[in-house]
Amino acid sequence: MPLEKKFINIHSHRKPQSADEWVLRNAFHKLSTDRVKGLNYFVSVGLHPWYVDSTFEQKIEHVTTLLTLPNVLAMGEIGLDRACTVDFDLQRKAFEIQIELAETHNLPVIIHAVRTYSDLIRYLKKSSVTFILHQYRGNEEQTRQLLQLDNVFFSFGIDLINHDKVKRTFLQIPLNKVFLETDVADLSIQSVYKEAAFLLGKNTTELQEHIYKTFKSISHF
């Protein structure tokens, strides 16, 4: 089945669940090179902020090796998280190094952000790489600022089904800036597309076409 006919799932922790799903699966930093190389689907790799510690530089060295593999299409998920107990200065250092790596390898970045959109904006402004804000939950002002950045895209998942505020935010985002995902949720990507299409007053086929065009417009993919 050609990619334009599939349901593109830009961020998931699961393998493709059906023949009509294309997944960019999150592969954690601790996976071996041989393990990642042997996967028969595409992945993103990076050091998640939850796993940053005093050995983060060694962990990122391994990530650097993984980034050279042909099935690695993006860096991530990486980012900043004020809700976890990891030292925030360490998170920042690890994040900055990984952005530089993404720039070196010309890879898009899947961003994990919890209560840190305001912190992230300054990084996104000065970088040339493409950023995809996964499970986006920014407020109105943060969304306004982020929409001014051509290299920033927004990804939505289960919140479109059960989170009214996120539904309203989703409707503010131009369709050429939107991706859809399942992340860790126990639901199908098809159900996310169905809900997004309903909110937009479109059918799922139309939405697939729009997201495919956005996907192709990001030259890294």
N, C-alpha and C. Protein backbone atom coordinates (compact mmCIF):
# COMPACT_ATOMS: atom_id res chain seq x y z
N MET A 1 0.85 -1.20 0.00
CA MET A 1 0.00 0.00 0.00
C MET A 1 0.89 1.25 0.00
N PRO A 2 0.67 2.19 -0.94
CA PRO A 2 1.50 3.40 -0.97
C PRO A 2 1.29 4.25 0.27
N LEU A 3 2.33 5.01 0.63
CA LEU A 3 2.30 5.80 1.86
C LEU A 3 1.14 6.78 1.89
N GLU A 4 0.81 7.36 0.74
CA GLU A 4 -0.26 8.36 0.72
C GLU A 4 -1.62 7.77 1.08
N LYS A 5 -1.75 6.46 1.04
CA LYS A 5 -3.00 5.80 1.41
C LYS A 5 -3.01 5.35 2.88
N LYS A 6 -1.88 5.50 3.56
CA LYS A 6 -1.78 5.00 4.93
C LYS A 6 -2.12 6.08 5.96
N PHE A 7 -2.34 5.62 7.18
CA PHE A 7 -2.54 6.52 8.31
C PHE A 7 -1.16 6.76 8.93
N ILE A 8 -0.64 7.96 8.74
CA ILE A 8 0.69 8.29 9.25
C ILE A 8 0.59 8.57 10.75
N ASN A 9 1.35 7.81 11.51
CA ASN A 9 1.40 7.93 12.97
C ASN A 9 2.79 8.45 13.32
N ILE A 10 2.89 9.74 13.61
CA ILE A 10 4.19 10.39 13.71
C ILE A 10 4.93 10.09 15.00
N HIS A 11 4.25 9.53 15.99
CA HIS A 11 4.95 9.18 17.25
C HIS A 11 4.17 8.11 18.00
N SER A 12 4.81 6.97 18.17
CA SER A 12 4.17 5.87 18.89
C SER A 12 5.24 5.04 19.59
N HIS A 13 4.83 4.38 20.67
CA HIS A 13 5.72 3.45 21.36
C HIS A 13 5.39 2.01 20.98
N ARG A 14 4.57 1.85 19.96
CA ARG A 14 4.18 0.50 19.51
C ARG A 14 4.55 0.31 18.04
N LYS A 15 4.67 -0.94 17.66
CA LYS A 15 4.86 -1.28 16.25
C LYS A 15 3.58 -0.93 15.48
N PRO A 16 3.66 -0.89 14.14
CA PRO A 16 2.43 -0.72 13.36
C PRO A 16 1.41 -1.78 13.74
N GLN A 17 0.16 -1.36 13.90
CA GLN A 17 -0.89 -2.27 14.34
C GLN A 17 -1.75 -2.80 13.20
N SER A 18 -1.56 -2.26 12.01
CA SER A 18 -2.35 -2.71 10.86
C SER A 18 -1.59 -2.39 9.58
N ALA A 19 -2.00 -3.00 8.49
CA ALA A 19 -1.31 -2.83 7.21
C ALA A 19 -1.44 -1.42 6.67
N ASP A 20 -2.48 -0.69 7.10
CA ASP A 20 -2.67 0.66 6.57
C ASP A 20 -2.14 1.74 7.52
N GLU A 21 -1.26 1.36 8.44
CA GLU A 21 -0.65 2.32 9.37
C GLU A 21 0.85 2.43 9.09
N TRP A 22 1.34 3.68 8.98
CA TRP A 22 2.78 3.93 8.92
C TRP A 22 3.19 4.57 10.23
N VAL A 23 4.18 3.99 10.91
CA VAL A 23 4.56 4.45 12.24
C VAL A 23 6.00 4.93 12.26
N LEU A 24 6.22 6.05 12.95
CA LEU A 24 7.56 6.44 13.38
C LEU A 24 7.62 6.08 14.86
N ARG A 25 8.22 4.94 15.15
CA ARG A 25 8.19 4.43 16.52
C ARG A 25 9.34 5.02 17.35
N ASN A 26 9.03 5.32 18.60
CA ASN A 26 10.05 5.80 19.52
C ASN A 26 10.94 4.64 19.95
N ALA A 27 12.25 4.77 19.71
CA ALA A 27 13.21 3.76 20.16
C ALA A 27 14.08 4.38 21.25
N PHE A 28 14.06 3.82 22.42
CA PHE A 28 14.80 4.42 23.54
C PHE A 28 16.31 4.29 23.35
N HIS A 29 17.02 5.19 24.00
CA HIS A 29 18.47 5.29 23.87
C HIS A 29 19.21 4.01 24.25
N LYS A 30 18.61 3.20 25.12
CA LYS A 30 19.32 2.03 25.64
C LYS A 30 19.31 0.83 24.69
N LEU A 31 18.55 0.90 23.60
CA LEU A 31 18.53 -0.21 22.65
C LEU A 31 19.88 -0.32 21.95
N SER A 32 20.32 -1.55 21.72
CA SER A 32 21.61 -1.76 21.06
C SER A 32 21.53 -1.38 19.59
N THR A 33 22.70 -1.13 19.02
CA THR A 33 22.77 -0.79 17.60
C THR A 33 22.19 -1.92 16.75
N ASP A 34 22.55 -3.15 17.07
CA ASP A 34 22.03 -4.29 16.29
C ASP A 34 20.52 -4.42 16.41
N ARG A 35 20.00 -4.14 17.60
CA ARG A 35 18.54 -4.24 17.80
C ARG A 35 17.81 -3.22 16.94
N VAL A 36 18.28 -1.99 16.96
CA VAL A 36 17.62 -0.94 16.16
C VAL A 36 17.78 -1.23 14.68
N LYS A 37 18.97 -1.64 14.29
CA LYS A 37 19.24 -1.94 12.88
C LYS A 37 18.34 -3.06 12.36
N GLY A 38 17.98 -3.99 13.23
CA GLY A 38 17.18 -5.14 12.82
C GLY A 38 15.68 -4.89 12.76
N LEU A 39 15.23 -3.72 13.19
CA LEU A 39 13.80 -3.43 13.15
C LEU A 39 13.34 -3.21 11.71
N ASN A 40 12.16 -3.69 11.38
CA ASN A 40 11.67 -3.58 10.00
C ASN A 40 10.69 -2.42 9.83
N TYR A 41 10.88 -1.38 10.62
CA TYR A 41 10.08 -0.16 10.51
C TYR A 41 10.98 1.01 10.91
N PHE A 42 10.47 2.22 10.71
CA PHE A 42 11.26 3.43 10.98
C PHE A 42 11.10 3.88 12.43
N VAL A 43 12.16 4.49 12.95
CA VAL A 43 12.16 4.90 14.36
C VAL A 43 12.77 6.29 14.52
N SER A 44 12.51 6.85 15.70
CA SER A 44 13.25 8.02 16.18
C SER A 44 14.06 7.56 17.39
N VAL A 45 15.20 8.19 17.63
CA VAL A 45 16.02 7.84 18.79
C VAL A 45 16.48 9.11 19.49
N GLY A 46 16.63 9.02 20.81
CA GLY A 46 17.09 10.16 21.58
C GLY A 46 17.07 9.84 23.06
N LEU A 47 17.66 10.73 23.84
CA LEU A 47 17.66 10.57 25.30
C LEU A 47 16.51 11.38 25.87
N HIS A 48 15.48 10.68 26.31
CA HIS A 48 14.29 11.28 26.92
C HIS A 48 14.70 11.99 28.21
N PRO A 49 14.10 13.15 28.51
CA PRO A 49 14.49 13.88 29.73
C PRO A 49 14.35 13.09 31.02
N TRP A 50 13.44 12.12 31.06
CA TRP A 50 13.28 11.31 32.27
C TRP A 50 14.53 10.49 32.58
N TYR A 51 15.33 10.21 31.55
CA TYR A 51 16.48 9.32 31.73
C TYR A 51 17.82 10.06 31.71
N VAL A 52 17.75 11.38 31.86
CA VAL A 52 18.98 12.17 31.97
C VAL A 52 19.52 12.05 33.39
N ASP A 53 20.81 11.75 33.50
CA ASP A 53 21.46 11.70 34.81
C ASP A 53 22.93 12.10 34.61
N SER A 54 23.76 11.83 35.61
CA SER A 54 25.16 12.25 35.53
C SER A 54 25.92 11.55 34.41
N THR A 55 25.37 10.48 33.88
CA THR A 55 26.03 9.76 32.77
C THR A 55 25.43 10.12 31.41
N PHE A 56 24.72 11.25 31.33
CA PHE A 56 23.98 11.56 30.10
C PHE A 56 24.89 11.67 28.88
N GLU A 57 26.13 12.13 29.07
CA GLU A 57 27.01 12.27 27.91
C GLU A 57 27.35 10.92 27.29
N GLN A 58 27.53 9.91 28.13
CA GLN A 58 27.79 8.56 27.61
C GLN A 58 26.56 8.03 26.86
N LYS A 59 25.39 8.29 27.42
CA LYS A 59 24.16 7.84 26.77
C LYS A 59 23.99 8.51 25.40
N ILE A 60 24.33 9.79 25.34
CA ILE A 60 24.20 10.51 24.07
C ILE A 60 25.23 10.03 23.06
N GLU A 61 26.38 9.58 23.52
CA GLU A 61 27.37 8.99 22.60
C GLU A 61 26.76 7.80 21.87
N HIS A 62 26.02 6.98 22.60
CA HIS A 62 25.37 5.83 21.97
C HIS A 62 24.27 6.29 21.01
N VAL A 63 23.51 7.30 21.41
CA VAL A 63 22.49 7.86 20.52
C VAL A 63 23.13 8.33 19.22
N THR A 64 24.29 8.96 19.32
CA THR A 64 25.00 9.45 18.14
C THR A 64 25.27 8.32 17.15
N THR A 65 25.64 7.16 17.66
CA THR A 65 25.85 5.99 16.79
C THR A 65 24.54 5.55 16.14
N LEU A 66 23.47 5.52 16.93
CA LEU A 66 22.17 5.09 16.40
C LEU A 66 21.67 6.02 15.29
N LEU A 67 22.00 7.29 15.37
CA LEU A 67 21.52 8.26 14.39
C LEU A 67 22.02 7.98 12.98
N THR A 68 23.07 7.18 12.85
CA THR A 68 23.63 6.89 11.53
C THR A 68 22.92 5.72 10.84
N LEU A 69 22.02 5.04 11.55
CA LEU A 69 21.35 3.87 10.97
C LEU A 69 20.29 4.29 9.96
N PRO A 70 20.11 3.52 8.89
CA PRO A 70 19.20 3.94 7.81
C PRO A 70 17.73 4.01 8.19
N ASN A 71 17.31 3.27 9.21
CA ASN A 71 15.89 3.31 9.59
C ASN A 71 15.60 4.34 10.68
N VAL A 72 16.60 5.14 11.04
CA VAL A 72 16.39 6.23 12.01
C VAL A 72 16.08 7.50 11.23
N LEU A 73 14.85 7.98 11.35
CA LEU A 73 14.40 9.13 10.56
C LEU A 73 14.31 10.42 11.36
N ALA A 74 14.44 10.33 12.68
CA ALA A 74 14.28 11.54 13.50
C ALA A 74 14.99 11.34 14.83
N MET A 75 15.26 12.46 15.50
CA MET A 75 15.76 12.41 16.87
C MET A 75 14.58 12.61 17.80
N GLY A 76 14.51 11.80 18.85
CA GLY A 76 13.44 11.99 19.80
C GLY A 76 12.98 10.68 20.44
N GLU A 77 12.15 10.73 21.41
CA GLU A 77 11.70 12.04 21.84
C GLU A 77 12.70 12.63 22.83
N ILE A 78 12.98 13.90 22.67
CA ILE A 78 13.85 14.62 23.58
C ILE A 78 13.10 15.88 24.01
N GLY A 79 13.61 16.54 25.05
CA GLY A 79 12.92 17.76 25.47
C GLY A 79 13.20 18.15 26.89
N LEU A 80 12.23 18.85 27.48
CA LEU A 80 12.33 19.37 28.84
C LEU A 80 11.04 19.07 29.58
N ASP A 81 11.18 18.73 30.86
CA ASP A 81 10.02 18.30 31.65
C ASP A 81 10.16 18.81 33.07
N ARG A 82 9.30 19.76 33.44
CA ARG A 82 9.34 20.32 34.80
C ARG A 82 8.51 19.49 35.79
N ALA A 83 7.83 18.47 35.33
CA ALA A 83 7.02 17.65 36.23
C ALA A 83 7.79 16.44 36.77
N CYS A 84 8.95 16.15 36.20
CA CYS A 84 9.73 15.01 36.69
C CYS A 84 10.81 15.48 37.66
N THR A 85 11.46 14.55 38.31
CA THR A 85 12.43 14.88 39.36
C THR A 85 13.85 15.08 38.85
N VAL A 86 14.07 14.89 37.56
CA VAL A 86 15.42 15.03 37.00
C VAL A 86 15.86 16.49 37.06
N ASP A 87 17.11 16.71 37.47
CA ASP A 87 17.66 18.07 37.57
C ASP A 87 17.46 18.82 36.25
N PHE A 88 16.86 20.03 36.35
CA PHE A 88 16.49 20.74 35.13
C PHE A 88 17.71 21.25 34.36
N ASP A 89 18.75 21.63 35.07
CA ASP A 89 19.97 22.07 34.37
C ASP A 89 20.58 20.93 33.56
N LEU A 90 20.56 19.73 34.12
CA LEU A 90 21.05 18.57 33.37
C LEU A 90 20.18 18.31 32.14
N GLN A 91 18.87 18.43 32.33
CA GLN A 91 17.95 18.27 31.19
C GLN A 91 18.31 19.23 30.07
N ARG A 92 18.55 20.49 30.45
CA ARG A 92 18.87 21.52 29.46
C ARG A 92 20.15 21.18 28.70
N LYS A 93 21.17 20.76 29.44
CA LYS A 93 22.45 20.43 28.80
C LYS A 93 22.28 19.28 27.81
N ALA A 94 21.57 18.24 28.23
CA ALA A 94 21.34 17.09 27.35
C ALA A 94 20.54 17.50 26.12
N PHE A 95 19.55 18.36 26.33
CA PHE A 95 18.70 18.82 25.23
C PHE A 95 19.52 19.63 24.22
N GLU A 96 20.35 20.53 24.71
CA GLU A 96 21.16 21.38 23.83
C GLU A 96 22.12 20.54 22.98
N ILE A 97 22.75 19.55 23.60
CA ILE A 97 23.67 18.69 22.85
C ILE A 97 22.92 17.93 21.75
N GLN A 98 21.72 17.46 22.08
CA GLN A 98 20.96 16.66 21.11
C GLN A 98 20.41 17.51 19.97
N ILE A 99 20.08 18.76 20.25
CA ILE A 99 19.68 19.64 19.15
C ILE A 99 20.84 19.83 18.18
N GLU A 100 22.04 20.01 18.73
CA GLU A 100 23.22 20.14 17.87
C GLU A 100 23.42 18.89 17.02
N LEU A 101 23.18 17.73 17.62
CA LEU A 101 23.29 16.47 16.87
C LEU A 101 22.26 16.41 15.74
N ALA A 102 21.04 16.83 16.04
CA ALA A 102 19.99 16.84 15.01
C ALA A 102 20.38 17.76 13.86
N GLU A 103 20.98 18.89 14.19
CA GLU A 103 21.43 19.82 13.14
C GLU A 103 22.54 19.19 12.31
N THR A 104 23.47 18.52 12.98
CA THR A 104 24.59 17.88 12.28
C THR A 104 24.09 16.80 11.32
N HIS A 105 23.12 16.02 11.76
CA HIS A 105 22.61 14.90 10.97
C HIS A 105 21.41 15.29 10.10
N ASN A 106 21.00 16.55 10.19
CA ASN A 106 19.89 17.05 9.39
C ASN A 106 18.62 16.22 9.60
N LEU A 107 18.30 16.01 10.89
CA LEU A 107 17.13 15.21 11.26
C LEU A 107 16.09 16.06 11.98
N PRO A 108 14.81 15.80 11.73
CA PRO A 108 13.76 16.45 12.51
C PRO A 108 13.78 15.94 13.95
N VAL A 109 13.14 16.68 14.85
CA VAL A 109 13.17 16.37 16.27
C VAL A 109 11.75 16.22 16.81
N ILE A 110 11.51 15.11 17.49
CA ILE A 110 10.24 14.90 18.20
C ILE A 110 10.43 15.42 19.62
N ILE A 111 9.60 16.41 20.00
CA ILE A 111 9.78 17.11 21.27
C ILE A 111 8.81 16.62 22.34
N HIS A 112 9.37 16.31 23.51
CA HIS A 112 8.61 16.04 24.73
C HIS A 112 8.66 17.31 25.57
N ALA A 113 7.51 17.86 25.90
CA ALA A 113 7.47 19.09 26.70
C ALA A 113 6.37 19.01 27.74
N VAL A 114 6.75 19.18 29.00
CA VAL A 114 5.77 19.24 30.09
C VAL A 114 6.05 20.49 30.90
N ARG A 115 5.11 21.45 30.81
CA ARG A 115 5.22 22.75 31.47
C ARG A 115 6.51 23.48 31.08
N THR A 116 6.92 23.31 29.83
CA THR A 116 8.19 23.90 29.39
C THR A 116 8.12 24.57 28.02
N TYR A 117 6.94 24.81 27.49
CA TYR A 117 6.87 25.43 26.16
C TYR A 117 7.56 26.79 26.15
N SER A 118 7.40 27.56 27.21
CA SER A 118 8.05 28.87 27.27
C SER A 118 9.57 28.73 27.29
N ASP A 119 10.07 27.70 27.96
CA ASP A 119 11.52 27.43 27.96
C ASP A 119 11.99 27.03 26.57
N LEU A 120 11.19 26.26 25.87
CA LEU A 120 11.60 25.69 24.59
C LEU A 120 11.63 26.70 23.46
N ILE A 121 10.77 27.69 23.53
CA ILE A 121 10.60 28.60 22.39
C ILE A 121 11.93 29.21 21.95
N ARG A 122 12.78 29.60 22.91
CA ARG A 122 14.05 30.23 22.52
C ARG A 122 14.95 29.26 21.76
N TYR A 123 14.87 27.97 22.10
CA TYR A 123 15.66 26.98 21.36
C TYR A 123 15.10 26.79 19.94
N LEU A 124 13.80 26.73 19.85
CA LEU A 124 13.17 26.48 18.55
C LEU A 124 13.39 27.65 17.60
N LYS A 125 13.45 28.85 18.16
CA LYS A 125 13.64 30.05 17.33
C LYS A 125 15.01 30.08 16.67
N LYS A 126 16.03 29.61 17.39
CA LYS A 126 17.39 29.77 16.87
C LYS A 126 17.92 28.55 16.12
N SER A 127 17.10 27.51 16.00
CA SER A 127 17.55 26.31 15.30
C SER A 127 16.89 26.22 13.93
N SER A 128 17.60 25.58 13.02
CA SER A 128 17.08 25.43 11.65
C SER A 128 16.37 24.09 11.44
N VAL A 129 16.43 23.18 12.42
CA VAL A 129 15.82 21.87 12.22
C VAL A 129 14.30 21.93 12.38
N THR A 130 13.64 20.91 11.92
CA THR A 130 12.19 20.79 12.06
C THR A 130 11.87 20.19 13.43
N PHE A 131 10.93 20.81 14.13
CA PHE A 131 10.50 20.32 15.44
C PHE A 131 9.03 19.90 15.37
N ILE A 132 8.73 18.73 15.93
CA ILE A 132 7.36 18.25 16.04
C ILE A 132 7.03 18.13 17.51
N LEU A 133 6.10 18.95 17.98
CA LEU A 133 5.73 18.99 19.40
C LEU A 133 4.71 17.90 19.66
N HIS A 134 5.18 16.80 20.23
CA HIS A 134 4.29 15.66 20.38
C HIS A 134 3.34 15.85 21.56
N GLN A 135 2.12 15.35 21.39
CA GLN A 135 1.05 15.47 22.41
C GLN A 135 0.94 16.93 22.86
N TYR A 136 0.74 17.82 21.89
CA TYR A 136 0.79 19.26 22.17
C TYR A 136 -0.34 19.70 23.09
N ARG A 137 0.05 20.49 24.13
CA ARG A 137 -0.93 20.99 25.11
C ARG A 137 -0.65 22.43 25.51
N GLY A 138 -0.07 23.21 24.62
CA GLY A 138 0.27 24.59 24.96
C GLY A 138 -0.95 25.47 25.14
N ASN A 139 -0.75 26.59 25.86
CA ASN A 139 -1.85 27.54 26.04
C ASN A 139 -1.95 28.46 24.83
N GLU A 140 -2.91 29.37 24.89
CA GLU A 140 -3.20 30.23 23.74
C GLU A 140 -2.01 31.09 23.34
N GLU A 141 -1.33 31.70 24.31
CA GLU A 141 -0.20 32.57 24.01
C GLU A 141 0.99 31.77 23.49
N GLN A 142 1.25 30.63 24.09
CA GLN A 142 2.34 29.78 23.61
C GLN A 142 2.07 29.31 22.19
N THR A 143 0.83 28.95 21.92
CA THR A 143 0.45 28.51 20.57
C THR A 143 0.65 29.64 19.57
N ARG A 144 0.26 30.85 19.96
CA ARG A 144 0.43 32.01 19.07
C ARG A 144 1.91 32.20 18.72
N GLN A 145 2.78 32.12 19.71
CA GLN A 145 4.21 32.30 19.46
C GLN A 145 4.79 31.18 18.61
N LEU A 146 4.39 29.96 18.90
CA LEU A 146 4.92 28.81 18.17
C LEU A 146 4.45 28.79 16.72
N LEU A 147 3.25 29.28 16.47
CA LEU A 147 2.74 29.32 15.10
C LEU A 147 3.53 30.28 14.22
N GLN A 148 4.27 31.17 14.82
CA GLN A 148 5.09 32.11 14.05
C GLN A 148 6.37 31.47 13.51
N LEU A 149 6.68 30.26 13.98
CA LEU A 149 7.92 29.59 13.59
C LEU A 149 7.65 28.56 12.49
N ASP A 150 8.25 28.77 11.34
CA ASP A 150 8.00 27.90 10.19
C ASP A 150 8.48 26.47 10.41
N ASN A 151 9.44 26.28 11.31
CA ASN A 151 10.02 24.95 11.51
C ASN A 151 9.35 24.15 12.62
N VAL A 152 8.22 24.62 13.12
CA VAL A 152 7.53 23.96 14.23
C VAL A 152 6.19 23.38 13.76
N PHE A 153 5.96 22.10 14.11
CA PHE A 153 4.72 21.40 13.80
C PHE A 153 4.12 20.85 15.09
N PHE A 154 2.85 20.52 15.04
CA PHE A 154 2.10 20.14 16.25
C PHE A 154 1.47 18.76 16.05
N SER A 155 1.66 17.89 17.03
CA SER A 155 1.09 16.55 16.93
C SER A 155 0.09 16.30 18.05
N PHE A 156 -1.02 15.67 17.69
CA PHE A 156 -2.12 15.43 18.63
C PHE A 156 -2.50 13.96 18.63
N GLY A 157 -2.99 13.49 19.78
CA GLY A 157 -3.38 12.09 19.90
C GLY A 157 -4.65 11.92 20.68
N ILE A 158 -4.58 11.15 21.75
CA ILE A 158 -5.76 10.79 22.53
C ILE A 158 -6.48 12.01 23.11
N ASP A 159 -5.77 13.12 23.30
CA ASP A 159 -6.41 14.33 23.84
C ASP A 159 -7.53 14.83 22.94
N LEU A 160 -7.48 14.52 21.65
CA LEU A 160 -8.56 14.94 20.75
C LEU A 160 -9.86 14.23 21.08
N ILE A 161 -9.77 13.13 21.79
CA ILE A 161 -10.96 12.37 22.15
C ILE A 161 -11.49 12.77 23.51
N ASN A 162 -10.59 13.13 24.44
CA ASN A 162 -11.06 13.32 25.82
C ASN A 162 -10.62 14.62 26.49
N HIS A 163 -10.15 15.61 25.73
CA HIS A 163 -9.63 16.83 26.36
C HIS A 163 -10.16 18.05 25.59
N ASP A 164 -11.18 18.71 26.12
CA ASP A 164 -11.86 19.79 25.40
C ASP A 164 -10.92 20.96 25.09
N LYS A 165 -10.04 21.31 26.02
CA LYS A 165 -9.13 22.43 25.78
C LYS A 165 -8.20 22.13 24.60
N VAL A 166 -7.71 20.91 24.54
CA VAL A 166 -6.83 20.53 23.43
C VAL A 166 -7.61 20.51 22.12
N LYS A 167 -8.85 20.11 22.15
CA LYS A 167 -9.68 20.15 20.94
C LYS A 167 -9.76 21.58 20.41
N ARG A 168 -9.94 22.54 21.31
CA ARG A 168 -10.02 23.95 20.88
C ARG A 168 -8.68 24.40 20.31
N THR A 169 -7.59 24.00 20.94
CA THR A 169 -6.26 24.36 20.44
C THR A 169 -6.03 23.76 19.06
N PHE A 170 -6.40 22.51 18.91
CA PHE A 170 -6.23 21.81 17.63
C PHE A 170 -6.89 22.58 16.49
N LEU A 171 -8.05 23.13 16.74
CA LEU A 171 -8.78 23.85 15.70
C LEU A 171 -8.15 25.19 15.36
N GLN A 172 -7.20 25.65 16.17
CA GLN A 172 -6.48 26.90 15.88
C GLN A 172 -5.25 26.66 14.99
N ILE A 173 -4.85 25.41 14.84
CA ILE A 173 -3.61 25.09 14.12
C ILE A 173 -3.92 24.88 12.64
N PRO A 174 -3.22 25.58 11.74
CA PRO A 174 -3.41 25.32 10.31
C PRO A 174 -3.13 23.86 9.99
N LEU A 175 -3.90 23.31 9.09
CA LEU A 175 -3.80 21.87 8.80
C LEU A 175 -2.42 21.48 8.27
N ASN A 176 -1.73 22.42 7.63
CA ASN A 176 -0.40 22.08 7.12
C ASN A 176 0.67 22.08 8.21
N LYS A 177 0.24 22.26 9.47
CA LYS A 177 1.15 22.19 10.61
C LYS A 177 0.82 21.01 11.53
N VAL A 178 -0.12 20.17 11.12
CA VAL A 178 -0.67 19.14 12.01
C VAL A 178 -0.15 17.74 11.67
N PHE A 179 0.20 17.00 12.73
CA PHE A 179 0.42 15.56 12.65
C PHE A 179 -0.45 14.88 13.70
N LEU A 180 -0.64 13.57 13.54
CA LEU A 180 -1.41 12.79 14.52
C LEU A 180 -0.57 11.62 15.02
N GLU A 181 -0.88 11.16 16.23
CA GLU A 181 -0.06 10.14 16.89
C GLU A 181 -0.90 9.31 17.84
N THR A 182 -0.31 8.20 18.30
CA THR A 182 -0.94 7.43 19.37
C THR A 182 -0.12 7.45 20.65
N ASP A 183 1.18 7.75 20.56
CA ASP A 183 2.06 7.78 21.74
C ASP A 183 1.96 6.44 22.48
N VAL A 184 1.62 6.46 23.77
CA VAL A 184 1.50 5.21 24.54
C VAL A 184 0.05 4.77 24.72
N ALA A 185 -0.88 5.51 24.15
CA ALA A 185 -2.30 5.23 24.37
C ALA A 185 -2.73 3.92 23.72
N ASP A 186 -3.66 3.26 24.36
CA ASP A 186 -4.21 2.00 23.84
C ASP A 186 -5.39 2.31 22.93
N LEU A 187 -5.08 2.87 21.78
CA LEU A 187 -6.10 3.16 20.78
C LEU A 187 -5.44 3.11 19.41
N SER A 188 -6.25 3.02 18.38
CA SER A 188 -5.71 2.93 17.03
C SER A 188 -5.49 4.32 16.46
N ILE A 189 -4.54 4.43 15.54
CA ILE A 189 -4.33 5.71 14.87
C ILE A 189 -5.56 6.06 14.02
N GLN A 190 -6.26 5.04 13.54
CA GLN A 190 -7.47 5.30 12.75
C GLN A 190 -8.52 6.04 13.58
N SER A 191 -8.62 5.71 14.87
CA SER A 191 -9.61 6.38 15.72
C SER A 191 -9.22 7.84 15.97
N VAL A 192 -7.91 8.11 16.01
CA VAL A 192 -7.45 9.50 16.17
C VAL A 192 -7.79 10.29 14.91
N TYR A 193 -7.53 9.71 13.75
CA TYR A 193 -7.88 10.38 12.50
C TYR A 193 -9.39 10.63 12.41
N LYS A 194 -10.16 9.66 12.83
CA LYS A 194 -11.62 9.79 12.78
C LYS A 194 -12.09 10.97 13.62
N GLU A 195 -11.55 11.10 14.83
CA GLU A 195 -11.95 12.20 15.71
C GLU A 195 -11.46 13.54 15.16
N ALA A 196 -10.23 13.58 14.67
CA ALA A 196 -9.69 14.82 14.10
C ALA A 196 -10.51 15.26 12.89
N ALA A 197 -10.85 14.31 12.03
CA ALA A 197 -11.65 14.63 10.85
C ALA A 197 -13.02 15.15 11.25
N PHE A 198 -13.62 14.55 12.26
CA PHE A 198 -14.92 15.01 12.76
C PHE A 198 -14.83 16.46 13.25
N LEU A 199 -13.80 16.77 14.02
CA LEU A 199 -13.64 18.13 14.55
C LEU A 199 -13.45 19.14 13.43
N LEU A 200 -12.80 18.72 12.36
CA LEU A 200 -12.51 19.61 11.24
C LEU A 200 -13.62 19.66 10.20
N GLY A 201 -14.61 18.78 10.33
CA GLY A 201 -15.67 18.72 9.34
C GLY A 201 -15.20 18.14 8.02
N LYS A 202 -14.25 17.21 8.08
CA LYS A 202 -13.73 16.55 6.89
C LYS A 202 -13.93 15.05 7.02
N ASN A 203 -13.66 14.31 5.94
CA ASN A 203 -13.64 12.86 6.07
C ASN A 203 -12.19 12.41 6.28
N THR A 204 -12.02 11.19 6.71
CA THR A 204 -10.66 10.74 7.06
C THR A 204 -9.74 10.68 5.84
N THR A 205 -10.29 10.40 4.68
CA THR A 205 -9.46 10.35 3.48
C THR A 205 -8.87 11.72 3.17
N GLU A 206 -9.69 12.76 3.28
CA GLU A 206 -9.19 14.12 3.09
C GLU A 206 -8.07 14.44 4.07
N LEU A 207 -8.28 14.06 5.32
CA LEU A 207 -7.29 14.34 6.36
C LEU A 207 -5.99 13.58 6.09
N GLN A 208 -6.11 12.34 5.67
CA GLN A 208 -4.91 11.56 5.30
C GLN A 208 -4.12 12.28 4.21
N GLU A 209 -4.82 12.80 3.22
CA GLU A 209 -4.15 13.49 2.12
C GLU A 209 -3.40 14.73 2.61
N HIS A 210 -4.05 15.50 3.50
CA HIS A 210 -3.41 16.70 4.03
C HIS A 210 -2.16 16.35 4.84
N ILE A 211 -2.27 15.34 5.70
CA ILE A 211 -1.13 14.99 6.56
C ILE A 211 -0.01 14.37 5.73
N TYR A 212 -0.35 13.63 4.70
CA TYR A 212 0.67 13.10 3.80
C TYR A 212 1.44 14.24 3.13
N LYS A 213 0.74 15.27 2.68
CA LYS A 213 1.40 16.42 2.05
C LYS A 213 2.33 17.12 3.04
N THR A 214 1.86 17.27 4.27
CA THR A 214 2.71 17.89 5.30
C THR A 214 3.94 17.04 5.54
N PHE A 215 3.73 15.75 5.65
CA PHE A 215 4.82 14.80 5.85
C PHE A 215 5.86 14.93 4.74
N LYS A 216 5.41 14.98 3.51
CA LYS A 216 6.33 15.08 2.37
C LYS A 216 6.99 16.45 2.29
N SER A 217 6.33 17.47 2.84
CA SER A 217 6.90 18.82 2.77
C SER A 217 8.10 18.98 3.69
N ILE A 218 8.20 18.09 4.67
CA ILE A 218 9.37 18.11 5.55
C ILE A 218 10.44 17.27 4.86
N SER A 219 11.36 17.94 4.20
CA SER A 219 12.27 17.26 3.28
C SER A 219 13.09 16.16 3.95
N HIS A 220 13.28 16.25 5.26
CA HIS A 220 14.07 15.24 5.97
C HIS A 220 13.44 13.86 5.84
N PHE A 221 12.11 13.81 5.71
CA PHE A 221 11.44 12.52 5.61
C PHE A 221 11.44 12.04 4.16
